[in-house]
PDB file of N, CA and C in Angstrom:
ATOM      1  N   MET A   1      18.937  24.397 162.635  1.00  0.00           N
ATOM      2  CA  MET A   1      19.702  26.065 162.068  1.00  0.00           C
ATOM      3  C   MET A   1      20.839  25.986 162.290  1.00  0.00           C
ATOM      4  N   ALA A   2      21.180  27.271 161.604  1.00  0.00           N
ATOM      5  CA  ALA A   2      22.667  27.468 161.770  1.00  0.00           C
ATOM      6  C   ALA A   2      23.346  28.104 162.600  1.00  0.00           C
ATOM      7  N   LEU A   3      24.361  28.014 163.498  1.00  0.00           N
ATOM      8  CA  LEU A   3      24.900  28.925 164.449  1.00  0.00           C
ATOM      9  C   LEU A   3      26.092  29.937 163.561  1.00  0.00           C
ATOM     10  N   LEU A   4      25.974  31.231 163.635  1.00  0.00           N
ATOM     11  CA  LEU A   4      26.606  32.025 163.116  1.00  0.00           C
ATOM     12  C   LEU A   4      27.366  32.726 164.099  1.00  0.00           C
ATOM     13  N   ALA A   5      28.468  32.746 164.172  1.00  0.00           N
ATOM     14  CA  ALA A   5      29.834  33.585 165.704  1.00  0.00           C
ATOM     15  C   ALA A   5      28.986  35.228 166.113  1.00  0.00           C
ATOM     16  N   GLY A   6      28.120  35.340 167.293  1.00  0.00           N
ATOM     17  CA  GLY A   6      27.824  36.311 167.645  1.00  0.00           C
ATOM     18  C   GLY A   6      26.329  36.755 166.818  1.00  0.00           C
ATOM     19  N   ILE A   7      25.787  36.032 165.852  1.00  0.00           N
ATOM     20  CA  ILE A   7      24.902  35.812 165.643  1.00  0.00           C
ATOM     21  C   ILE A   7      23.044  35.552 165.822  1.00  0.00           C
ATOM     22  N   GLY A   8      24.016  34.502 166.593  1.00  0.00           N
ATOM     23  CA  GLY A   8      22.704  33.325 166.745  1.00  0.00           C
ATOM     24  C   GLY A   8      22.020  32.211 165.432  1.00  0.00           C
ATOM     25  N   PRO A   9      21.104  31.720 165.811  1.00  0.00           N
ATOM     26  CA  PRO A   9      20.476  31.538 165.032  1.00  0.00           C
ATOM     27  C   PRO A   9      19.832  32.193 163.746  1.00  0.00           C
ATOM     28  N   LEU A  10      20.053  31.276 162.382  1.00  0.00           N
ATOM     29  CA  LEU A  10      19.050  32.251 161.873  1.00  0.00           C
ATOM     30  C   LEU A  10      18.212  31.228 160.593  1.00  0.00           C
ATOM     31  N   GLY A  11      16.777  31.426 161.062  1.00  0.00           N
ATOM     32  CA  GLY A  11      15.829  30.627 160.484  1.00  0.00           C
ATOM     33  C   GLY A  11      15.289  31.131 159.580  1.00  0.00           C
ATOM     34  N   PRO A  12      14.524  30.400 158.529  1.00  0.00           N
ATOM     35  CA  PRO A  12      13.367  30.790 157.681  1.00  0.00           C
ATOM     36  C   PRO A  12      12.980  32.338 157.748  1.00  0.00           C
ATOM     37  N   LEU A  13      12.844  32.828 158.815  1.00  0.00           N
ATOM     38  CA  LEU A  13      12.399  34.363 158.541  1.00  0.00           C
ATOM     39  C   LEU A  13      13.511  35.571 158.238  1.00  0.00           C
ATOM     40  N   GLU A  14      14.563  34.969 159.075  1.00  0.00           N
ATOM     41  CA  GLU A  14      15.527  35.890 158.988  1.00  0.00           C
ATOM     42  C   GLU A  14      16.377  35.333 157.463  1.00  0.00           C
ATOM     43  N   LEU A  15      16.108  34.753 157.062  1.00  0.00           N
ATOM     44  CA  LEU A  15      16.680  34.410 155.107  1.00  0.00           C
ATOM     45  C   LEU A  15      15.767  35.280 154.892  1.00  0.00           C
ATOM     46  N   GLY A  16      15.128  34.818 154.981  1.00  0.00           N
ATOM     47  CA  GLY A  16      13.690  35.358 153.499  1.00  0.00           C
ATOM     48  C   GLY A  16      13.581  36.841 154.236  1.00  0.00           C
ATOM     49  N   LEU A  17      14.254  37.925 155.399  1.00  0.00           N
ATOM     50  CA  LEU A  17      14.900  39.303 155.454  1.00  0.00           C
ATOM     51  C   LEU A  17      15.512  39.666 154.577  1.00  0.00           C
ATOM     52  N   ILE A  18      16.614  38.299 155.122  1.00  0.00           N
ATOM     53  CA  ILE A  18      18.034  38.662 154.081  1.00  0.00           C
ATOM     54  C   ILE A  18      18.115  38.939 152.691  1.00  0.00           C
ATOM     55  N   LEU A  19      16.677  38.255 151.829  1.00  0.00           N
ATOM     56  CA  LEU A  19      16.741  38.017 150.515  1.00  0.00           C
ATOM     57  C   LEU A  19      16.000  38.706 150.036  1.00  0.00           C
ATOM     58  N   LEU A  20      14.701  39.690 150.954  1.00  0.00           N
ATOM     59  CA  LEU A  20      14.552  41.274 150.622  1.00  0.00           C
ATOM     60  C   LEU A  20      14.917  42.079 150.267  1.00  0.00           C
ATOM     61  N   ILE A  21      16.341  42.266 151.576  1.00  0.00           N
ATOM     62  CA  ILE A  21      16.887  43.195 151.166  1.00  0.00           C
ATOM     63  C   ILE A  21      18.011  42.985 150.059  1.00  0.00           C
ATOM     64  N   VAL A  22      18.364  41.634 150.077  1.00  0.00           N
ATOM     65  CA  VAL A  22      19.434  41.805 148.525  1.00  0.00           C
ATOM     66  C   VAL A  22      18.490  41.892 146.809  1.00  0.00           C
ATOM     67  N   ILE A  23      17.050  42.018 147.236  1.00  0.00           N
ATOM     68  CA  ILE A  23      16.226  42.073 146.022  1.00  0.00           C
ATOM     69  C   ILE A  23      16.350  43.730 146.199  1.00  0.00           C
ATOM     70  N   LEU A  24      15.934  44.126 147.110  1.00  0.00           N
ATOM     71  CA  LEU A  24      15.693  45.724 147.300  1.00  0.00           C
ATOM     72  C   LEU A  24      16.980  46.622 146.960  1.00  0.00           C
ATOM     73  N   VAL A  25      18.434  45.964 147.054  1.00  0.00           N
ATOM     74  CA  VAL A  25      19.457  46.780 146.628  1.00  0.00           C
ATOM     75  C   VAL A  25      19.862  46.355 145.163  1.00  0.00           C
ATOM     76  N   PHE A  26      19.616  44.893 145.422  1.00  0.00           N
ATOM     77  CA  PHE A  26      20.323  44.966 143.788  1.00  0.00           C
ATOM     78  C   PHE A  26      18.965  45.105 142.566  1.00  0.00           C
ATOM     79  N   GLY A  27      17.727  45.168 143.118  1.00  0.00           N
ATOM     80  CA  GLY A  27      16.764  44.623 141.636  1.00  0.00           C
ATOM     81  C   GLY A  27      16.260  43.362 141.234  1.00  0.00           C
ATOM     82  N   VAL A  28      15.106  42.673 140.762  1.00  0.00           N
ATOM     83  CA  VAL A  28      15.369  41.630 140.826  1.00  0.00           C
ATOM     84  C   VAL A  28      16.217  41.645 139.544  1.00  0.00           C
ATOM     85  N   GLY A  29      15.964  42.515 138.413  1.00  0.00           N
ATOM     86  CA  GLY A  29      16.586  42.143 136.882  1.00  0.00           C
ATOM     87  C   GLY A  29      18.058  42.012 137.315  1.00  0.00           C
ATOM     88  N   ARG A  30      18.811  42.295 138.312  1.00  0.00           N
ATOM     89  CA  ARG A  30      20.227  42.001 138.536  1.00  0.00           C
ATOM     90  C   ARG A  30      20.550  41.236 139.029  1.00  0.00           C
ATOM     91  N   LEU A  31      19.386  40.175 140.220  1.00  0.00           N
ATOM     92  CA  LEU A  31      19.861  39.204 141.040  1.00  0.00           C
ATOM     93  C   LEU A  31      20.434  37.903 140.285  1.00  0.00           C
ATOM     94  N   PRO A  32      20.349  37.701 139.200  1.00  0.00           N
ATOM     95  CA  PRO A  32      21.220  36.089 137.569  1.00  0.00           C
ATOM     96  C   PRO A  32      22.476  37.348 138.267  1.00  0.00           C
ATOM     97  N   GLU A  33      22.922  38.590 137.284  1.00  0.00           N
ATOM     98  CA  GLU A  33      24.688  39.066 137.302  1.00  0.00           C
ATOM     99  C   GLU A  33      25.185  38.651 138.780  1.00  0.00           C
ATOM    100  N   VAL A  34      24.837  39.117 139.805  1.00  0.00           N
ATOM    101  CA  VAL A  34      24.929  38.989 140.855  1.00  0.00           C
ATOM    102  C   VAL A  34      25.328  37.565 141.405  1.00  0.00           C
ATOM    103  N   GLY A  35      24.771  36.319 141.312  1.00  0.00           N
ATOM    104  CA  GLY A  35      24.914  35.507 141.517  1.00  0.00           C
ATOM    105  C   GLY A  35      25.455  34.334 140.718  1.00  0.00           C
ATOM    106  N   GLY A  36      25.967  35.253 139.602  1.00  0.00           N
ATOM    107  CA  GLY A  36      26.802  34.640 138.919  1.00  0.00           C
ATOM    108  C   GLY A  36      28.424  35.063 138.769  1.00  0.00           C
ATOM    109  N   ALA A  37      28.269  36.934 139.508  1.00  0.00           N
ATOM    110  CA  ALA A  37      29.301  37.008 139.697  1.00  0.00           C
ATOM    111  C   ALA A  37      29.909  36.241 141.096  1.00  0.00           C
ATOM    112  N   ILE A  38      29.302  35.999 141.689  1.00  0.00           N
ATOM    113  CA  ILE A  38      29.828  35.530 142.904  1.00  0.00           C
ATOM    114  C   ILE A  38      29.825  33.652 143.009  1.00  0.00           C
ATOM    115  N   GLY A  39      28.849  33.037 141.855  1.00  0.00           N
ATOM    116  CA  GLY A  39      30.153  31.648 141.701  1.00  0.00           C
ATOM    117  C   GLY A  39      30.884  31.979 141.096  1.00  0.00           C
ATOM    118  N   LYS A  40      31.005  32.969 139.888  1.00  0.00           N
ATOM    119  CA  LYS A  40      32.280  33.458 139.145  1.00  0.00           C
ATOM    120  C   LYS A  40      33.809  33.416 140.228  1.00  0.00           C
ATOM    121  N   GLY A  41      33.065  34.475 141.234  1.00  0.00           N
ATOM    122  CA  GLY A  41      34.486  34.610 141.641  1.00  0.00           C
ATOM    123  C   GLY A  41      34.859  32.913 143.088  1.00  0.00           C
ATOM    124  N   ILE A  42      33.744  32.568 143.163  1.00  0.00           N
ATOM    125  CA  ILE A  42      34.747  31.175 144.449  1.00  0.00           C
ATOM    126  C   ILE A  42      34.762  30.460 143.893  1.00  0.00           C
ATOM    127  N   ARG A  43      34.514  30.212 142.352  1.00  0.00           N
ATOM    128  CA  ARG A  43      35.556  28.740 140.755  1.00  0.00           C
ATOM    129  C   ARG A  43      36.871  29.372 140.947  1.00  0.00           C
ATOM    130  N   GLU A  44      36.731  31.079 140.912  1.00  0.00           N
ATOM    131  CA  GLU A  44      38.117  31.530 140.648  1.00  0.00           C
ATOM    132  C   GLU A  44      38.801  31.356 141.709  1.00  0.00           C
ATOM    133  N   PHE A  45      38.221  31.310 143.042  1.00  0.00           N
ATOM    134  CA  PHE A  45      39.141  31.400 144.613  1.00  0.00           C
ATOM    135  C   PHE A  45      39.898  29.291 144.493  1.00  0.00           C
ATOM    136  N   ARG A  46      38.691  28.899 144.058  1.00  0.00           N
ATOM    137  CA  ARG A  46      38.845  27.059 144.240  1.00  0.00           C
ATOM    138  C   ARG A  46      40.252  27.513 142.685  1.00  0.00           C
ATOM    139  N   HIS A  47      40.413  27.610 141.772  1.00  0.00           N
ATOM    140  CA  HIS A  47      41.335  27.350 141.360  1.00  0.00           C
ATOM    141  C   HIS A  47      42.318  27.876 141.709  1.00  0.00           C
ATOM    142  N   ALA A  48      42.510  29.185 141.997  1.00  0.00           N
ATOM    143  CA  ALA A  48      44.333  29.863 142.063  1.00  0.00           C
ATOM    144  C   ALA A  48      44.547  28.907 143.701  1.00  0.00           C
ATOM    145  N   THR A  49      43.555  28.398 144.424  1.00  0.00           N
ATOM    146  CA  THR A  49      44.278  27.324 145.638  1.00  0.00           C
ATOM    147  C   THR A  49      44.810  26.588 145.024  1.00  0.00           C
ATOM    148  N   LYS A  50      43.761  25.949 144.411  1.00  0.00           N
ATOM    149  CA  LYS A  50      44.729  24.619 143.384  1.00  0.00           C
ATOM    150  C   LYS A  50      45.951  24.589 142.836  1.00  0.00           C
ATOM    151  N   ASP A  51      46.077  25.521 142.166  1.00  0.00           N
ATOM    152  CA  ASP A  51      47.171  25.765 141.489  1.00  0.00           C
ATOM    153  C   ASP A  51      48.813  26.101 142.106  1.00  0.00           C
ATOM    154  N   GLU A  52      48.465  26.580 143.267  1.00  0.00           N
ATOM    155  CA  GLU A  52      49.025  27.212 144.320  1.00  0.00           C
ATOM    156  C   GLU A  52      49.442  25.920 145.089  1.00  0.00           C
ATOM    157  N   GLU A  53      48.541  24.818 145.296  1.00  0.00           N
ATOM    158  CA  GLU A  53      48.902  23.019 145.990  1.00  0.00           C
ATOM    159  C   GLU A  53      49.531  22.689 144.916  1.00  0.00           C
ATOM    160  N   ARG A  54      49.808  23.045 143.193  1.00  0.00           N
ATOM    161  CA  ARG A  54      50.030  22.334 142.564  1.00  0.00           C
ATOM    162  C   ARG A  54      51.907  22.104 142.502  1.00  0.00           C
ATOM    163  N   ALA A  55      51.889  24.167 142.454  1.00  0.00           N
ATOM    164  CA  ALA A  55      53.455  24.599 142.278  1.00  0.00           C
ATOM    165  C   ALA A  55      53.955  24.725 143.379  1.00  0.00           C
ATOM    166  N   PRO A  56      55.185  24.355 143.981  1.00  0.00           N
ATOM    167  CA  PRO A  56      55.806  25.042 145.017  1.00  0.00           C
ATOM    168  C   PRO A  56      55.942  26.030 145.460  1.00  0.00           C
ATOM    169  N   SER A  57      56.136  26.685 146.076  1.00  0.00           N
ATOM    170  CA  SER A  57      55.758  28.327 146.352  1.00  0.00           C
ATOM    171  C   SER A  57      56.973  28.873 145.748  1.00  0.00           C
ATOM    172  N   GLY A  58      58.665  27.835 146.276  1.00  0.00           N
ATOM    173  CA  GLY A  58      59.402  28.629 145.164  1.00  0.00           C
ATOM    174  C   GLY A  58      59.590  28.752 144.316  1.00  0.00           C
ATOM    175  N   ASP A  59      59.538  28.308 143.165  1.00  0.00           N
ATOM    176  CA  ASP A  59      58.901  28.147 141.396  1.00  0.00           C
ATOM    177  C   ASP A  59      58.073  28.686 141.740  1.00  0.00           C
ATOM    178  N   VAL A  60      56.805  29.416 142.158  1.00  0.00           N
ATOM    179  CA  VAL A  60      56.218  30.141 141.336  1.00  0.00           C
ATOM    180  C   VAL A  60      56.376  31.521 141.895  1.00  0.00           C
ATOM    181  N   ALA A  61      56.863  32.152 143.007  1.00  0.00           N
ATOM    182  CA  ALA A  61      57.585  33.055 143.738  1.00  0.00           C
ATOM    183  C   ALA A  61      59.122  33.459 142.245  1.00  0.00           C
ATOM    184  N   ALA A  62      59.674  32.683 142.643  1.00  0.00           N
ATOM    185  CA  ALA A  62      60.662  32.784 141.194  1.00  0.00           C
ATOM    186  C   ALA A  62      60.479  33.149 140.338  1.00  0.00           C
ATOM    187  N   THR A  63      59.321  32.166 139.311  1.00  0.00           N
ATOM    188  CA  THR A  63      58.556  32.507 137.914  1.00  0.00           C
ATOM    189  C   THR A  63      58.186  34.240 137.766  1.00  0.00           C
ATOM    190  N   THR A  64      57.753  34.461 139.475  1.00  0.00           N
ATOM    191  CA  THR A  64      56.505  35.513 138.906  1.00  0.00           C
ATOM    192  C   THR A  64      57.708  37.358 138.813  1.00  0.00           C
ATOM    193  N   MET A  65      58.836  36.572 139.706  1.00  0.00           N
ATOM    194  CA  MET A  65      59.250  37.581 140.022  1.00  0.00           C
ATOM    195  C   MET A  65      60.814  37.924 138.360  1.00  0.00           C
ATOM    196  N   ALA A  66      61.014  36.360 138.213  1.00  0.00           N
ATOM    197  CA  ALA A  66      61.552  37.388 136.485  1.00  0.00           C
ATOM    198  C   ALA A  66      61.144  37.396 135.708  1.00  0.00           C
ATOM    199  N   SER A  67      59.819  36.818 134.998  1.00  0.00           N
ATOM    200  CA  SER A  67      58.852  37.836 134.439  1.00  0.00           C
ATOM    201  C   SER A  67      58.912  39.325 135.006  1.00  0.00           C
ATOM    202  N   ALA A  68      58.496  39.675 135.792  1.00  0.00           N
ATOM    203  CA  ALA A  68      58.517  40.847 136.097  1.00  0.00           C
ATOM    204  C   ALA A  68      59.503  41.721 136.047  1.00  0.00           C
ATOM    205  N   SER A  69      60.770  41.477 136.262  1.00  0.00           N
ATOM    206  CA  SER A  69      61.851  42.388 136.422  1.00  0.00           C
ATOM    207  C   SER A  69      63.191  42.197 135.029  1.00  0.00           C
ATOM    208  N   ALA A  70      62.576  40.886 134.290  1.00  0.00           N
ATOM    209  CA  ALA A  70      63.754  40.643 133.136  1.00  0.00           C
ATOM    210  C   ALA A  70      62.826  41.587 132.040  1.00  0.00           C
ATOM    211  N   PRO A  71      63.478  41.971 130.638  1.00  0.00           N
ATOM    212  CA  PRO A  71      63.100  42.387 130.075  1.00  0.00           C
ATOM    213  C   PRO A  71      62.406  40.913 128.943  1.00  0.00           C
ATOM    214  N   ALA A  72      61.976  41.022 128.150  1.00  0.00           N
ATOM    215  CA  ALA A  72      61.766  39.378 127.450  1.00  0.00           C
ATOM    216  C   ALA A  72      62.347  39.226 126.363  1.00  0.00           C
ATOM    217  N   ALA A  73      63.295  37.563 126.671  1.00  0.00           N
ATOM    218  CA  ALA A  73      64.095  37.390 126.061  1.00  0.00           C
ATOM    219  C   ALA A  73      63.839  36.551 124.439  1.00  0.00           C
ATOM    220  N   PRO A  74      64.632  36.169 122.931  1.00  0.00           N
ATOM    221  CA  PRO A  74      64.209  35.835 122.431  1.00  0.00           C
ATOM    222  C   PRO A  74      63.465  33.945 122.626  1.00  0.00           C
ATOM    223  N   GLU A  75      63.008  33.868 122.014  1.00  0.00           N
ATOM    224  CA  GLU A  75      62.719  31.898 122.857  1.00  0.00           C
ATOM    225  C   GLU A  75      63.223  31.467 121.970  1.00  0.00           C
ATOM    226  N   ALA A  76      63.876  31.336 121.334  1.00  0.00           N
ATOM    227  CA  ALA A  76      64.577  30.077 120.747  1.00  0.00           C
ATOM    228  C   ALA A  76      65.908  30.586 121.463  1.00  0.00           C
ATOM    229  N   PRO A  77      66.607  29.001 122.563  1.00  0.00           N
ATOM    230  CA  PRO A  77      68.001  29.212 122.754  1.00  0.00           C
ATOM    231  C   PRO A  77      69.393  29.991 121.891  1.00  0.00           C
ATOM    232  N   VAL A  78      70.021  30.531 121.710  1.00  0.00           N
ATOM    233  CA  VAL A  78      70.983  30.966 121.074  1.00  0.00           C
ATOM    234  C   VAL A  78      72.090  30.377 121.461  1.00  0.00           C
ATOM    235  N   ALA A  79      73.124  29.811 119.802  1.00  0.00           N
ATOM    236  CA  ALA A  79      73.537  28.847 120.233  1.00  0.00           C
ATOM    237  C   ALA A  79      75.092  29.391 120.240  1.00  0.00           C
ATOM    238  N   PRO A  80      76.117  28.048 120.277  1.00  0.00           N
ATOM    239  CA  PRO A  80      76.929  28.791 120.765  1.00  0.00           C
ATOM    240  C   PRO A  80      77.725  29.146 118.793  1.00  0.00           C
ATOM    241  N   PRO A  81      79.070  30.221 119.199  1.00  0.00           N
ATOM    242  CA  PRO A  81      79.316  30.190 118.065  1.00  0.00           C
ATOM    243  C   PRO A  81      80.676  29.202 117.580  1.00  0.00           C
ATOM    244  N   ALA A  82      80.164  28.877 116.150  1.00  0.00           N
ATOM    245  CA  ALA A  82      81.055  27.829 115.569  1.00  0.00           C
ATOM    246  C   ALA A  82      82.373  27.448 115.789  1.00  0.00           C
ATOM    247  N   ALA A  83      83.457  28.320 116.055  1.00  0.00           N
ATOM    248  CA  ALA A  83      84.389  28.474 116.480  1.00  0.00           C
ATOM    249  C   ALA A  83      85.047  27.116 117.713  1.00  0.00           C
ATOM    250  N   ALA A  84      85.679  26.884 117.719  1.00  0.00           N
ATOM    251  CA  ALA A  84      86.456  26.035 118.726  1.00  0.00           C
ATOM    252  C   ALA A  84      86.110  26.359 120.270  1.00  0.00           C
ATOM    253  N   PRO A  85      85.581  26.385 121.235  1.00  0.00           N
ATOM    254  CA  PRO A  85      85.520  26.913 122.320  1.00  0.00           C
ATOM    255  C   PRO A  85      86.369  27.057 123.213  1.00  0.00           C
ATOM    256  N   SER A  86      87.444  28.102 124.209  1.00  0.00           N
ATOM    257  CA  SER A  86      88.424  27.580 124.217  1.00  0.00           C
ATOM    258  C   SER A  86      88.427  27.162 125.738  1.00  0.00           C
ATOM    259  N   THR A  87      89.950  25.920 126.176  1.00  0.00           N
ATOM    260  CA  THR A  87      89.891  25.763 127.486  1.00  0.00           C
ATOM    261  C   THR A  87      89.046  26.543 128.357  1.00  0.00           C
ATOM    262  N   GLU A  88      89.036  27.856 128.948  1.00  0.00           N
ATOM    263  CA  GLU A  88      88.909  28.255 129.890  1.00  0.00           C
ATOM    264  C   GLU A  88      87.619  28.850 129.493  1.00  0.00           C
ATOM    265  N   THR A  89      86.749  28.788 128.690  1.00  0.00           N
ATOM    266  CA  THR A  89      85.269  28.581 128.518  1.00  0.00           C
ATOM    267  C   THR A  89      84.602  27.233 128.323  1.00  0.00           C
ATOM    268  N   ILE A  90      83.056  27.987 128.696  1.00  0.00           N
ATOM    269  CA  ILE A  90      82.364  26.939 128.530  1.00  0.00           C
ATOM    270  C   ILE A  90      80.644  27.636 128.626  1.00  0.00           C
ATOM    271  N   PHE A  91      79.709  26.552 127.564  1.00  0.00           N
ATOM    272  CA  PHE A  91      78.852  27.244 126.798  1.00  0.00           C
ATOM    273  C   PHE A  91      78.147  26.439 128.007  1.00  0.00           C
ATOM    274  N   CYS A  92      76.424  27.322 128.091  1.00  0.00           N
ATOM    275  CA  CYS A  92      75.227  26.715 129.078  1.00  0.00           C
ATOM    276  C   CYS A  92      74.470  26.299 127.548  1.00  0.00           C
ATOM    277  N   SER A  93      73.611  25.188 128.544  1.00  0.00           N
ATOM    278  CA  SER A  93      73.139  24.834 127.574  1.00  0.00           C
ATOM    279  C   SER A  93      71.363  25.081 127.551  1.00  0.00           C
ATOM    280  N   GLU A  94      71.715  25.269 127.965  1.00  0.00           N
ATOM    281  CA  GLU A  94      69.999  26.234 128.991  1.00  0.00           C
ATOM    282  C   GLU A  94      69.773  27.125 128.229  1.00  0.00           C
ATOM    283  N   CYS A  95      70.806  28.300 127.785  1.00  0.00           N
ATOM    284  CA  CYS A  95      70.823  29.524 127.732  1.00  0.00           C
ATOM    285  C   CYS A  95      71.781  29.897 126.010  1.00  0.00           C
ATOM    286  N   GLY A  96      73.292  29.245 126.369  1.00  0.00           N
ATOM    287  CA  GLY A  96      74.040  29.128 125.238  1.00  0.00           C
ATOM    288  C   GLY A  96      75.097  30.348 125.507  1.00  0.00           C
ATOM    289  N   ALA A  97      74.726  30.762 126.833  1.00  0.00           N
ATOM    290  CA  ALA A  97      76.205  31.921 127.013  1.00  0.00           C
ATOM    291  C   ALA A  97      77.522  31.367 127.484  1.00  0.00           C
ATOM    292  N   ARG A  98      78.002  32.320 127.162  1.00  0.00           N
ATOM    293  CA  ARG A  98      79.350  32.151 127.405  1.00  0.00           C
ATOM    294  C   ARG A  98      79.969  31.912 128.852  1.00  0.00           C
ATOM    295  N   ASN A  99      80.507  31.053 130.096  1.00  0.00           N
ATOM    296  CA  ASN A  99      80.954  31.418 131.460  1.00  0.00           C
ATOM    297  C   ASN A  99      82.460  30.901 131.454  1.00  0.00           C
ATOM    298  N   LEU A 100      82.901  30.738 132.608  1.00  0.00           N
ATOM    299  CA  LEU A 100      84.395  30.416 132.816  1.00  0.00           C
ATOM    300  C   LEU A 100      83.903  28.615 132.722  1.00  0.00           C
ATOM    301  N   ARG A 101      85.119  28.081 132.892  1.00  0.00           N
ATOM    302  CA  ARG A 101      84.938  26.570 133.085  1.00  0.00           C
ATOM    303  C   ARG A 101      84.678  26.215 134.385  1.00  0.00           C
ATOM    304  N   SER A 102      85.344  27.655 135.340  1.00  0.00           N
ATOM    305  CA  SER A 102      85.168  26.619 137.149  1.00  0.00           C
ATOM    306  C   SER A 102      83.991  26.504 137.461  1.00  0.00           C
ATOM    307  N   ALA A 103      83.086  27.983 136.540  1.00  0.00           N
ATOM    308  CA  ALA A 103      81.552  28.034 137.085  1.00  0.00           C
ATOM    309  C   ALA A 103      80.604  26.967 137.228  1.00  0.00           C
ATOM    310  N   LYS A 104      79.807  26.695 138.788  1.00  0.00           N
ATOM    311  CA  LYS A 104      79.057  25.074 138.383  1.00  0.00           C
ATOM    312  C   LYS A 104      77.723  25.936 138.184  1.00  0.00           C
ATOM    313  N   PHE A 105      77.445  28.337 138.024  1.00  0.00           N
ATOM    314  CA  PHE A 105      76.285  28.028 137.434  1.00  0.00           C
ATOM    315  C   PHE A 105      76.302  29.549 136.661  1.00  0.00           C
ATOM    316  N   CYS A 106      75.148  29.478 135.396  1.00  0.00           N
ATOM    317  CA  CYS A 106      75.374  30.325 134.084  1.00  0.00           C
ATOM    318  C   CYS A 106      75.610  31.884 134.538  1.00  0.00           C
ATOM    319  N   ALA A 107      75.873  32.651 133.976  1.00  0.00           N
ATOM    320  CA  ALA A 107      75.924  33.880 134.713  1.00  0.00           C
ATOM    321  C   ALA A 107      74.898  34.665 134.404  1.00  0.00           C
ATOM    322  N   GLU A 108      74.040  34.152 133.228  1.00  0.00           N
ATOM    323  CA  GLU A 108      73.306  34.811 132.437  1.00  0.00           C
ATOM    324  C   GLU A 108      71.173  34.236 133.125  1.00  0.00           C
ATOM    325  N   CYS A 109      71.714  33.020 133.240  1.00  0.00           N
ATOM    326  CA  CYS A 109      69.863  32.320 133.411  1.00  0.00           C
ATOM    327  C   CYS A 109      70.058  31.824 134.475  1.00  0.00           C
ATOM    328  N   GLY A 110      71.129  31.522 135.010  1.00  0.00           N
ATOM    329  CA  GLY A 110      70.992  31.067 136.315  1.00  0.00           C
ATOM    330  C   GLY A 110      70.580  29.496 136.606  1.00  0.00           C
ATOM    331  N   LYS A 111      70.650  28.819 135.358  1.00  0.00           N
ATOM    332  CA  LYS A 111      70.906  27.328 135.491  1.00  0.00           C
ATOM    333  C   LYS A 111      72.763  26.926 135.980  1.00  0.00           C
ATOM    334  N   PRO A 112      72.095  25.133 136.381  1.00  0.00           N
ATOM    335  CA  PRO A 112      73.327  24.810 136.797  1.00  0.00           C
ATOM    336  C   PRO A 112      73.835  24.377 135.727  1.00  0.00           C
ATOM    337  N   ILE A 113      75.287  24.575 135.698  1.00  0.00           N
ATOM    338  CA  ILE A 113      75.821  24.126 134.370  1.00  0.00           C
ATOM    339  C   ILE A 113      76.417  22.733 133.974  1.00  0.00           C
ATOM    340  N   ALA A 114      76.301  21.829 133.303  1.00  0.00           N
ATOM    341  CA  ALA A 114      76.426  20.525 133.332  1.00  0.00           C
ATOM    342  C   ALA A 114      77.695  20.397 132.981  1.00  0.00           C
ATOM    343  N   THR A 115      78.696  20.103 133.835  1.00  0.00           N
ATOM    344  CA  THR A 115      79.916  20.057 133.428  1.00  0.00           C
ATOM    345  C   THR A 115      80.186  18.220 132.681  1.00  0.00           C
ATOM    346  N   ALA A 116      81.269  17.851 132.043  1.00  0.00           N
ATOM    347  CA  ALA A 116      81.507  17.110 130.986  1.00  0.00           C
ATOM    348  C   ALA A 116      82.504  15.707 132.250  1.00  0.00           C
ATOM    349  N   VAL A 117      81.902  14.999 131.875  1.00  0.00           N
ATOM    350  CA  VAL A 117      82.501  14.116 132.992  1.00  0.00           C
ATOM    351  C   VAL A 117      83.804  13.311 132.589  1.00  0.00           C
ATOM    352  N   SER A 118      85.308  13.176 132.827  1.00  0.00           N
ATOM    353  CA  SER A 118      86.624  13.207 131.844  1.00  0.00           C
ATOM    354  C   SER A 118      86.623  11.444 132.243  1.00  0.00           C
TER     355      SER A 118
END
């Protein structure tokens, strides 16, 4: 017999009474739908908790915030212009945006800028 906090033991009589009340509330025809909905909800909850464990919380929040606030960007990266870049600017390898050579992060996408080793 299982003990629940403040309720006491649940025996076969109590479980039968709970089942009878559920049948009266939902009806016999809707019991499979109710059971399926409960099972689907439990599966979705387990899937969501496993996804949160796999992905670091900072990346999930950053991805959510970026997708919610930023307008849709083109999928293909923007290529730098064909002209030779000046010595004061550098292009981001991720998005192709022009940045100052002294910048450590891209002003457009925020990714670290790879600097050429001399």
